[in-house]
Amino acid sequence: MENENEQIRFDTKIAVLLRDDLATWQRLNVTAFLVSGLAATQPELIGLPYEDADGTTYLPMFRQPVLVFEGSKEQMATSHTRVLGRQLPHSIFTADLFATGNDRDNRAAVKAVGQGQLDLVGLALHGPKNAVDKVLKGSRMHP
């Protein structure tokens, strides 16, 4: 039986890195899209469904916090190189995706650009805490 007073600790970290020049609506939109990729491919990150005192049920969510960071365009590129080198599960969002309106066009926009030329505005990743910290080194917590 779970001890409700015991603090739950996680060996892993879910993090989102956003480019620091995005408008507020873009930051929210990018974050939502990025974490959906982690949720879709890593079911172990998802907790149990929620239920209120009246018995109404709600969809499950991540079982651990999602930390949001920000960094410059250069920081985005550096973190992208690091996450690829560490082979951590991750999703990306490029500036080109603001001009598309569906998944097919989003995928085509990414496919049209080489890895080193991607205009990254967001990156979400999951992995061991120390590995995620190394990928994000130089970024700062989102205000």
N, C-alpha and C. Protein backbone atom coordinates (compact mmCIF):
# COMPACT_ATOMS: atom_id res chain seq x y z
N MET A 1 0.84 -1.19 0.00
CA MET A 1 0.00 0.00 0.00
C MET A 1 0.88 1.25 0.00
N GLU A 2 0.48 2.25 -0.77
CA GLU A 2 1.24 3.49 -0.89
C GLU A 2 1.13 4.33 0.36
N ASN A 3 2.27 4.85 0.80
CA ASN A 3 2.28 5.79 1.92
C ASN A 3 2.08 7.19 1.35
N GLU A 4 0.96 7.81 1.64
CA GLU A 4 0.63 9.11 1.05
C GLU A 4 1.52 10.24 1.57
N ASN A 5 2.23 10.02 2.66
CA ASN A 5 3.13 11.05 3.19
C ASN A 5 4.54 10.93 2.62
N GLU A 6 4.82 9.82 1.95
CA GLU A 6 6.15 9.58 1.40
C GLU A 6 6.31 10.39 0.11
N GLN A 7 7.42 11.11 -0.02
CA GLN A 7 7.68 11.91 -1.21
C GLN A 7 8.06 10.98 -2.35
N ILE A 8 7.46 11.20 -3.51
CA ILE A 8 7.77 10.40 -4.69
C ILE A 8 8.92 11.06 -5.43
N ARG A 9 9.93 10.28 -5.75
CA ARG A 9 11.10 10.77 -6.49
C ARG A 9 11.19 10.02 -7.81
N PHE A 10 11.70 10.70 -8.82
CA PHE A 10 11.83 10.11 -10.14
C PHE A 10 13.30 10.09 -10.55
N ASP A 11 13.70 9.01 -11.19
CA ASP A 11 15.07 8.89 -11.70
C ASP A 11 15.22 9.58 -13.05
N THR A 12 14.08 9.93 -13.64
CA THR A 12 14.10 10.52 -14.97
C THR A 12 13.53 11.93 -14.91
N LYS A 13 13.66 12.62 -16.05
CA LYS A 13 13.17 13.99 -16.16
C LYS A 13 12.49 14.16 -17.51
N ILE A 14 11.35 14.84 -17.49
CA ILE A 14 10.69 15.30 -18.71
C ILE A 14 10.96 16.79 -18.80
N ALA A 15 11.49 17.24 -19.93
CA ALA A 15 11.81 18.66 -20.06
C ALA A 15 11.45 19.17 -21.45
N VAL A 16 11.10 20.44 -21.49
CA VAL A 16 10.82 21.15 -22.73
C VAL A 16 11.76 22.35 -22.76
N LEU A 17 12.41 22.54 -23.91
CA LEU A 17 13.25 23.71 -24.12
C LEU A 17 12.61 24.56 -25.20
N LEU A 18 12.32 25.82 -24.89
CA LEU A 18 11.69 26.75 -25.82
C LEU A 18 12.66 27.86 -26.18
N ARG A 19 12.61 28.29 -27.44
CA ARG A 19 13.45 29.41 -27.84
C ARG A 19 12.93 30.67 -27.17
N ASP A 20 13.83 31.50 -26.70
CA ASP A 20 13.46 32.64 -25.87
C ASP A 20 12.83 33.82 -26.62
N ASP A 21 12.71 33.73 -27.94
CA ASP A 21 12.12 34.84 -28.69
C ASP A 21 10.70 34.55 -29.17
N LEU A 22 10.06 33.52 -28.61
CA LEU A 22 8.70 33.17 -29.02
C LEU A 22 7.66 34.03 -28.29
N ALA A 23 6.56 34.30 -29.00
CA ALA A 23 5.41 34.96 -28.38
C ALA A 23 4.77 33.99 -27.39
N THR A 24 4.01 34.52 -26.44
CA THR A 24 3.38 33.68 -25.42
C THR A 24 2.53 32.57 -26.05
N TRP A 25 1.70 32.90 -27.03
CA TRP A 25 0.85 31.88 -27.64
C TRP A 25 1.69 30.80 -28.31
N GLN A 26 2.83 31.19 -28.89
CA GLN A 26 3.71 30.22 -29.54
C GLN A 26 4.33 29.28 -28.50
N ARG A 27 4.73 29.82 -27.36
CA ARG A 27 5.32 29.00 -26.30
C ARG A 27 4.33 27.93 -25.83
N LEU A 28 3.08 28.33 -25.65
CA LEU A 28 2.06 27.39 -25.19
C LEU A 28 1.77 26.34 -26.26
N ASN A 29 1.63 26.78 -27.49
CA ASN A 29 1.34 25.88 -28.60
C ASN A 29 2.47 24.87 -28.80
N VAL A 30 3.69 25.34 -28.82
CA VAL A 30 4.85 24.48 -29.02
C VAL A 30 4.96 23.46 -27.89
N THR A 31 4.78 23.89 -26.66
CA THR A 31 4.87 22.98 -25.52
C THR A 31 3.83 21.87 -25.64
N ALA A 32 2.60 22.23 -25.97
CA ALA A 32 1.54 21.22 -26.10
C ALA A 32 1.89 20.19 -27.18
N PHE A 33 2.34 20.66 -28.33
CA PHE A 33 2.70 19.73 -29.40
C PHE A 33 3.88 18.85 -29.01
N LEU A 34 4.90 19.44 -28.42
CA LEU A 34 6.10 18.67 -28.10
C LEU A 34 5.84 17.55 -27.10
N VAL A 35 5.11 17.83 -26.04
CA VAL A 35 4.90 16.79 -25.02
C VAL A 35 3.96 15.70 -25.52
N SER A 36 3.14 16.01 -26.52
CA SER A 36 2.27 14.97 -27.07
C SER A 36 3.10 13.85 -27.69
N GLY A 37 4.24 14.18 -28.25
CA GLY A 37 5.11 13.15 -28.83
C GLY A 37 5.67 12.22 -27.77
N LEU A 38 6.03 12.76 -26.63
CA LEU A 38 6.53 11.92 -25.55
C LEU A 38 5.42 11.03 -25.01
N ALA A 39 4.24 11.60 -24.82
CA ALA A 39 3.12 10.83 -24.29
C ALA A 39 2.73 9.70 -25.24
N ALA A 40 2.77 9.98 -26.53
CA ALA A 40 2.35 8.99 -27.52
C ALA A 40 3.31 7.81 -27.65
N THR A 41 4.59 8.05 -27.37
CA THR A 41 5.59 7.00 -27.61
C THR A 41 6.15 6.37 -26.35
N GLN A 42 5.84 6.95 -25.20
CA GLN A 42 6.37 6.42 -23.95
C GLN A 42 5.24 6.25 -22.94
N PRO A 43 4.45 5.21 -23.10
CA PRO A 43 3.28 5.03 -22.23
C PRO A 43 3.63 4.91 -20.75
N GLU A 44 4.87 4.52 -20.42
CA GLU A 44 5.25 4.42 -19.01
C GLU A 44 5.29 5.78 -18.31
N LEU A 45 5.27 6.86 -19.08
CA LEU A 45 5.26 8.20 -18.51
C LEU A 45 3.87 8.64 -18.05
N ILE A 46 2.86 7.89 -18.44
CA ILE A 46 1.48 8.28 -18.16
C ILE A 46 0.99 7.60 -16.89
N GLY A 47 0.35 8.40 -16.04
CA GLY A 47 -0.20 7.89 -14.79
C GLY A 47 -1.58 7.28 -15.00
N LEU A 48 -2.30 7.16 -13.92
CA LEU A 48 -3.64 6.59 -13.93
C LEU A 48 -4.68 7.68 -14.19
N PRO A 49 -5.89 7.30 -14.64
CA PRO A 49 -6.95 8.29 -14.81
C PRO A 49 -7.28 8.98 -13.49
N TYR A 50 -7.82 10.18 -13.58
CA TYR A 50 -8.23 10.95 -12.42
C TYR A 50 -9.72 10.74 -12.19
N GLU A 51 -10.13 10.93 -10.94
CA GLU A 51 -11.54 10.85 -10.60
C GLU A 51 -11.82 11.84 -9.49
N ASP A 52 -12.89 12.61 -9.64
CA ASP A 52 -13.24 13.55 -8.58
C ASP A 52 -14.12 12.87 -7.54
N ALA A 53 -14.49 13.61 -6.50
CA ALA A 53 -15.26 13.04 -5.38
C ALA A 53 -16.65 12.59 -5.81
N ASP A 54 -17.14 13.10 -6.94
CA ASP A 54 -18.45 12.71 -7.43
C ASP A 54 -18.40 11.50 -8.37
N GLY A 55 -17.19 10.99 -8.62
CA GLY A 55 -17.05 9.82 -9.48
C GLY A 55 -16.87 10.14 -10.96
N THR A 56 -16.75 11.41 -11.31
CA THR A 56 -16.50 11.79 -12.69
C THR A 56 -15.05 11.47 -13.01
N THR A 57 -14.79 10.79 -14.12
CA THR A 57 -13.42 10.42 -14.48
C THR A 57 -12.85 11.39 -15.51
N TYR A 58 -11.51 11.51 -15.47
CA TYR A 58 -10.78 12.40 -16.35
C TYR A 58 -9.60 11.64 -16.92
N LEU A 59 -9.09 12.10 -18.04
CA LEU A 59 -7.97 11.43 -18.69
C LEU A 59 -6.72 11.44 -17.80
N PRO A 60 -5.89 10.41 -17.95
CA PRO A 60 -4.62 10.41 -17.23
C PRO A 60 -3.66 11.44 -17.82
N MET A 61 -2.66 11.81 -17.04
CA MET A 61 -1.64 12.75 -17.48
C MET A 61 -0.27 12.17 -17.15
N PHE A 62 0.78 12.92 -17.46
CA PHE A 62 2.11 12.48 -17.07
C PHE A 62 2.15 12.19 -15.58
N ARG A 63 2.91 11.19 -15.18
CA ARG A 63 3.00 10.82 -13.77
C ARG A 63 4.09 11.60 -13.05
N GLN A 64 4.81 12.43 -13.76
CA GLN A 64 5.86 13.24 -13.16
C GLN A 64 5.83 14.63 -13.75
N PRO A 65 6.44 15.60 -13.08
CA PRO A 65 6.43 16.98 -13.56
C PRO A 65 7.10 17.13 -14.92
N VAL A 66 6.66 18.13 -15.66
CA VAL A 66 7.30 18.54 -16.90
C VAL A 66 7.96 19.88 -16.62
N LEU A 67 9.27 19.94 -16.76
CA LEU A 67 10.01 21.17 -16.50
C LEU A 67 10.21 21.92 -17.81
N VAL A 68 10.00 23.23 -17.80
CA VAL A 68 10.09 24.02 -19.02
C VAL A 68 11.25 25.00 -18.88
N PHE A 69 12.10 25.01 -19.91
CA PHE A 69 13.29 25.84 -19.96
C PHE A 69 13.22 26.74 -21.18
N GLU A 70 14.09 27.74 -21.22
CA GLU A 70 14.21 28.57 -22.41
C GLU A 70 15.67 28.83 -22.70
N GLY A 71 15.92 29.12 -23.98
CA GLY A 71 17.28 29.40 -24.41
C GLY A 71 17.28 30.09 -25.76
N SER A 72 18.43 30.54 -26.15
CA SER A 72 18.59 31.25 -27.42
C SER A 72 18.52 30.27 -28.59
N LYS A 73 18.52 30.83 -29.78
CA LYS A 73 18.56 30.01 -31.00
C LYS A 73 19.80 29.12 -30.99
N GLU A 74 20.91 29.68 -30.56
CA GLU A 74 22.16 28.91 -30.48
C GLU A 74 22.05 27.79 -29.45
N GLN A 75 21.41 28.07 -28.32
CA GLN A 75 21.21 27.06 -27.28
C GLN A 75 20.35 25.92 -27.81
N MET A 76 19.34 26.26 -28.60
CA MET A 76 18.48 25.22 -29.19
C MET A 76 19.32 24.28 -30.05
N ALA A 77 20.18 24.85 -30.89
CA ALA A 77 21.02 24.03 -31.77
C ALA A 77 21.97 23.16 -30.96
N THR A 78 22.57 23.73 -29.93
CA THR A 78 23.49 22.97 -29.08
C THR A 78 22.77 21.83 -28.38
N SER A 79 21.61 22.11 -27.81
CA SER A 79 20.85 21.07 -27.12
C SER A 79 20.39 19.99 -28.09
N HIS A 80 20.05 20.38 -29.31
CA HIS A 80 19.65 19.40 -30.32
C HIS A 80 20.81 18.45 -30.63
N THR A 81 21.98 19.01 -30.81
CA THR A 81 23.16 18.17 -31.06
C THR A 81 23.41 17.23 -29.89
N ARG A 82 23.27 17.74 -28.68
CA ARG A 82 23.50 16.91 -27.48
C ARG A 82 22.46 15.80 -27.35
N VAL A 83 21.18 16.10 -27.60
CA VAL A 83 20.16 15.08 -27.45
C VAL A 83 20.33 13.99 -28.50
N LEU A 84 20.75 14.37 -29.70
CA LEU A 84 21.02 13.37 -30.74
C LEU A 84 22.20 12.49 -30.34
N GLY A 85 23.25 13.10 -29.80
CA GLY A 85 24.42 12.35 -29.37
C GLY A 85 24.13 11.38 -28.24
N ARG A 86 23.20 11.73 -27.39
CA ARG A 86 22.84 10.87 -26.25
C ARG A 86 21.70 9.91 -26.59
N GLN A 87 21.16 10.06 -27.78
CA GLN A 87 20.09 9.18 -28.27
C GLN A 87 18.91 9.09 -27.30
N LEU A 88 18.53 10.25 -26.76
CA LEU A 88 17.37 10.31 -25.87
C LEU A 88 16.10 10.52 -26.68
N PRO A 89 14.99 9.95 -26.24
CA PRO A 89 13.73 10.20 -26.92
C PRO A 89 13.41 11.70 -26.89
N HIS A 90 13.07 12.25 -28.05
CA HIS A 90 12.79 13.68 -28.11
C HIS A 90 11.88 14.01 -29.28
N SER A 91 11.23 15.15 -29.18
CA SER A 91 10.44 15.70 -30.26
C SER A 91 10.94 17.11 -30.54
N ILE A 92 10.71 17.57 -31.77
CA ILE A 92 11.15 18.91 -32.15
C ILE A 92 9.98 19.70 -32.73
N PHE A 93 10.12 21.01 -32.69
CA PHE A 93 9.17 21.92 -33.32
C PHE A 93 10.00 22.98 -34.00
N THR A 94 9.77 23.20 -35.29
CA THR A 94 10.52 24.20 -36.04
C THR A 94 9.64 25.42 -36.33
N ALA A 95 10.27 26.53 -36.63
CA ALA A 95 9.54 27.77 -36.94
C ALA A 95 8.61 27.57 -38.13
N ASP A 96 8.97 26.72 -39.07
CA ASP A 96 8.14 26.46 -40.24
C ASP A 96 6.77 25.91 -39.87
N LEU A 97 6.66 25.24 -38.73
CA LEU A 97 5.39 24.62 -38.36
C LEU A 97 4.32 25.63 -37.96
N PHE A 98 4.70 26.87 -37.70
CA PHE A 98 3.71 27.91 -37.40
C PHE A 98 2.87 28.24 -38.64
N ALA A 99 3.38 27.90 -39.82
CA ALA A 99 2.68 28.22 -41.07
C ALA A 99 1.86 27.04 -41.60
N THR A 100 1.87 25.92 -40.92
CA THR A 100 1.12 24.75 -41.37
C THR A 100 -0.10 24.56 -40.47
N GLY A 101 -0.98 23.68 -40.89
CA GLY A 101 -2.19 23.51 -40.10
C GLY A 101 -2.58 22.07 -39.84
N ASN A 102 -1.69 21.13 -40.15
CA ASN A 102 -2.02 19.73 -39.93
C ASN A 102 -0.75 18.89 -39.87
N ASP A 103 -0.90 17.68 -39.39
CA ASP A 103 0.23 16.79 -39.18
C ASP A 103 0.97 16.46 -40.47
N ARG A 104 0.24 16.22 -41.56
CA ARG A 104 0.88 15.90 -42.84
C ARG A 104 1.81 17.02 -43.28
N ASP A 105 1.31 18.26 -43.22
CA ASP A 105 2.11 19.40 -43.64
C ASP A 105 3.26 19.66 -42.66
N ASN A 106 3.02 19.41 -41.37
CA ASN A 106 4.09 19.55 -40.38
C ASN A 106 5.25 18.62 -40.70
N ARG A 107 4.93 17.34 -40.94
CA ARG A 107 5.98 16.36 -41.24
C ARG A 107 6.71 16.71 -42.53
N ALA A 108 5.98 17.20 -43.54
CA ALA A 108 6.60 17.60 -44.81
C ALA A 108 7.55 18.78 -44.60
N ALA A 109 7.15 19.72 -43.76
CA ALA A 109 8.00 20.90 -43.49
C ALA A 109 9.30 20.50 -42.82
N VAL A 110 9.26 19.55 -41.91
CA VAL A 110 10.49 19.09 -41.25
C VAL A 110 11.34 18.29 -42.24
N LYS A 111 10.71 17.44 -43.01
CA LYS A 111 11.44 16.58 -43.95
C LYS A 111 12.16 17.39 -45.03
N ALA A 112 11.68 18.58 -45.33
CA ALA A 112 12.26 19.42 -46.38
C ALA A 112 13.57 20.09 -45.98
N VAL A 113 13.94 19.99 -44.71
CA VAL A 113 15.11 20.71 -44.20
C VAL A 113 16.10 19.72 -43.60
N GLY A 114 17.39 19.90 -43.90
CA GLY A 114 18.42 19.06 -43.31
C GLY A 114 18.56 19.29 -41.81
N GLN A 115 19.03 18.27 -41.11
CA GLN A 115 19.15 18.32 -39.65
C GLN A 115 19.86 19.57 -39.15
N GLY A 116 20.96 19.93 -39.76
CA GLY A 116 21.75 21.08 -39.32
C GLY A 116 21.14 22.43 -39.65
N GLN A 117 20.12 22.45 -40.52
CA GLN A 117 19.49 23.70 -40.91
C GLN A 117 18.10 23.89 -40.30
N LEU A 118 17.67 22.96 -39.46
CA LEU A 118 16.35 23.09 -38.83
C LEU A 118 16.30 24.36 -37.99
N ASP A 119 15.26 25.17 -38.18
CA ASP A 119 15.07 26.40 -37.40
C ASP A 119 14.27 26.03 -36.15
N LEU A 120 14.95 25.43 -35.19
CA LEU A 120 14.30 24.90 -33.99
C LEU A 120 13.79 26.01 -33.08
N VAL A 121 12.53 25.85 -32.64
CA VAL A 121 11.97 26.75 -31.65
C VAL A 121 11.57 26.00 -30.39
N GLY A 122 11.59 24.66 -30.45
CA GLY A 122 11.23 23.87 -29.29
C GLY A 122 11.75 22.45 -29.39
N LEU A 123 12.01 21.88 -28.22
CA LEU A 123 12.54 20.53 -28.10
C LEU A 123 12.01 19.95 -26.79
N ALA A 124 11.47 18.74 -26.84
CA ALA A 124 11.05 18.06 -25.61
C ALA A 124 11.82 16.76 -25.52
N LEU A 125 12.20 16.37 -24.32
CA LEU A 125 12.96 15.14 -24.15
C LEU A 125 12.65 14.49 -22.83
N HIS A 126 13.00 13.21 -22.78
CA HIS A 126 12.84 12.42 -21.56
C HIS A 126 14.06 11.53 -21.43
N GLY A 127 14.54 11.38 -20.21
CA GLY A 127 15.66 10.49 -19.97
C GLY A 127 16.13 10.60 -18.54
N PRO A 128 17.23 9.91 -18.24
CA PRO A 128 17.81 10.01 -16.90
C PRO A 128 18.10 11.47 -16.56
N LYS A 129 17.88 11.83 -15.30
CA LYS A 129 18.04 13.23 -14.88
C LYS A 129 19.37 13.83 -15.32
N ASN A 130 20.47 13.13 -15.06
CA ASN A 130 21.78 13.70 -15.37
C ASN A 130 21.98 13.89 -16.88
N ALA A 131 21.44 12.99 -17.69
CA ALA A 131 21.56 13.12 -19.14
C ALA A 131 20.74 14.31 -19.65
N VAL A 132 19.53 14.47 -19.14
CA VAL A 132 18.69 15.60 -19.53
C VAL A 132 19.35 16.91 -19.10
N ASP A 133 19.90 16.95 -17.90
CA ASP A 133 20.59 18.15 -17.42
C ASP A 133 21.76 18.52 -18.34
N LYS A 134 22.50 17.52 -18.81
CA LYS A 134 23.63 17.78 -19.70
C LYS A 134 23.17 18.30 -21.05
N VAL A 135 22.06 17.78 -21.56
CA VAL A 135 21.51 18.27 -22.82
C VAL A 135 21.11 19.74 -22.69
N LEU A 136 20.53 20.09 -21.56
CA LEU A 136 19.99 21.44 -21.36
C LEU A 136 20.98 22.43 -20.75
N LYS A 137 22.20 21.99 -20.51
CA LYS A 137 23.21 22.86 -19.88
C LYS A 137 23.31 24.17 -20.67
N GLY A 138 23.22 25.28 -19.94
CA GLY A 138 23.29 26.60 -20.55
C GLY A 138 21.92 27.25 -20.72
N SER A 139 20.87 26.45 -20.64
CA SER A 139 19.52 27.02 -20.70
C SER A 139 19.09 27.43 -19.31
N ARG A 140 17.96 28.08 -19.20
CA ARG A 140 17.46 28.52 -17.89
C ARG A 140 15.99 28.13 -17.77
N MET A 141 15.54 28.00 -16.53
CA MET A 141 14.14 27.70 -16.30
C MET A 141 13.28 28.81 -16.90
N HIS A 142 12.17 28.40 -17.49
CA HIS A 142 11.24 29.38 -18.07
C HIS A 142 10.65 30.21 -16.92
N PRO A 143 10.57 31.52 -17.11
CA PRO A 143 10.05 32.37 -16.02
C PRO A 143 8.58 32.11 -15.72
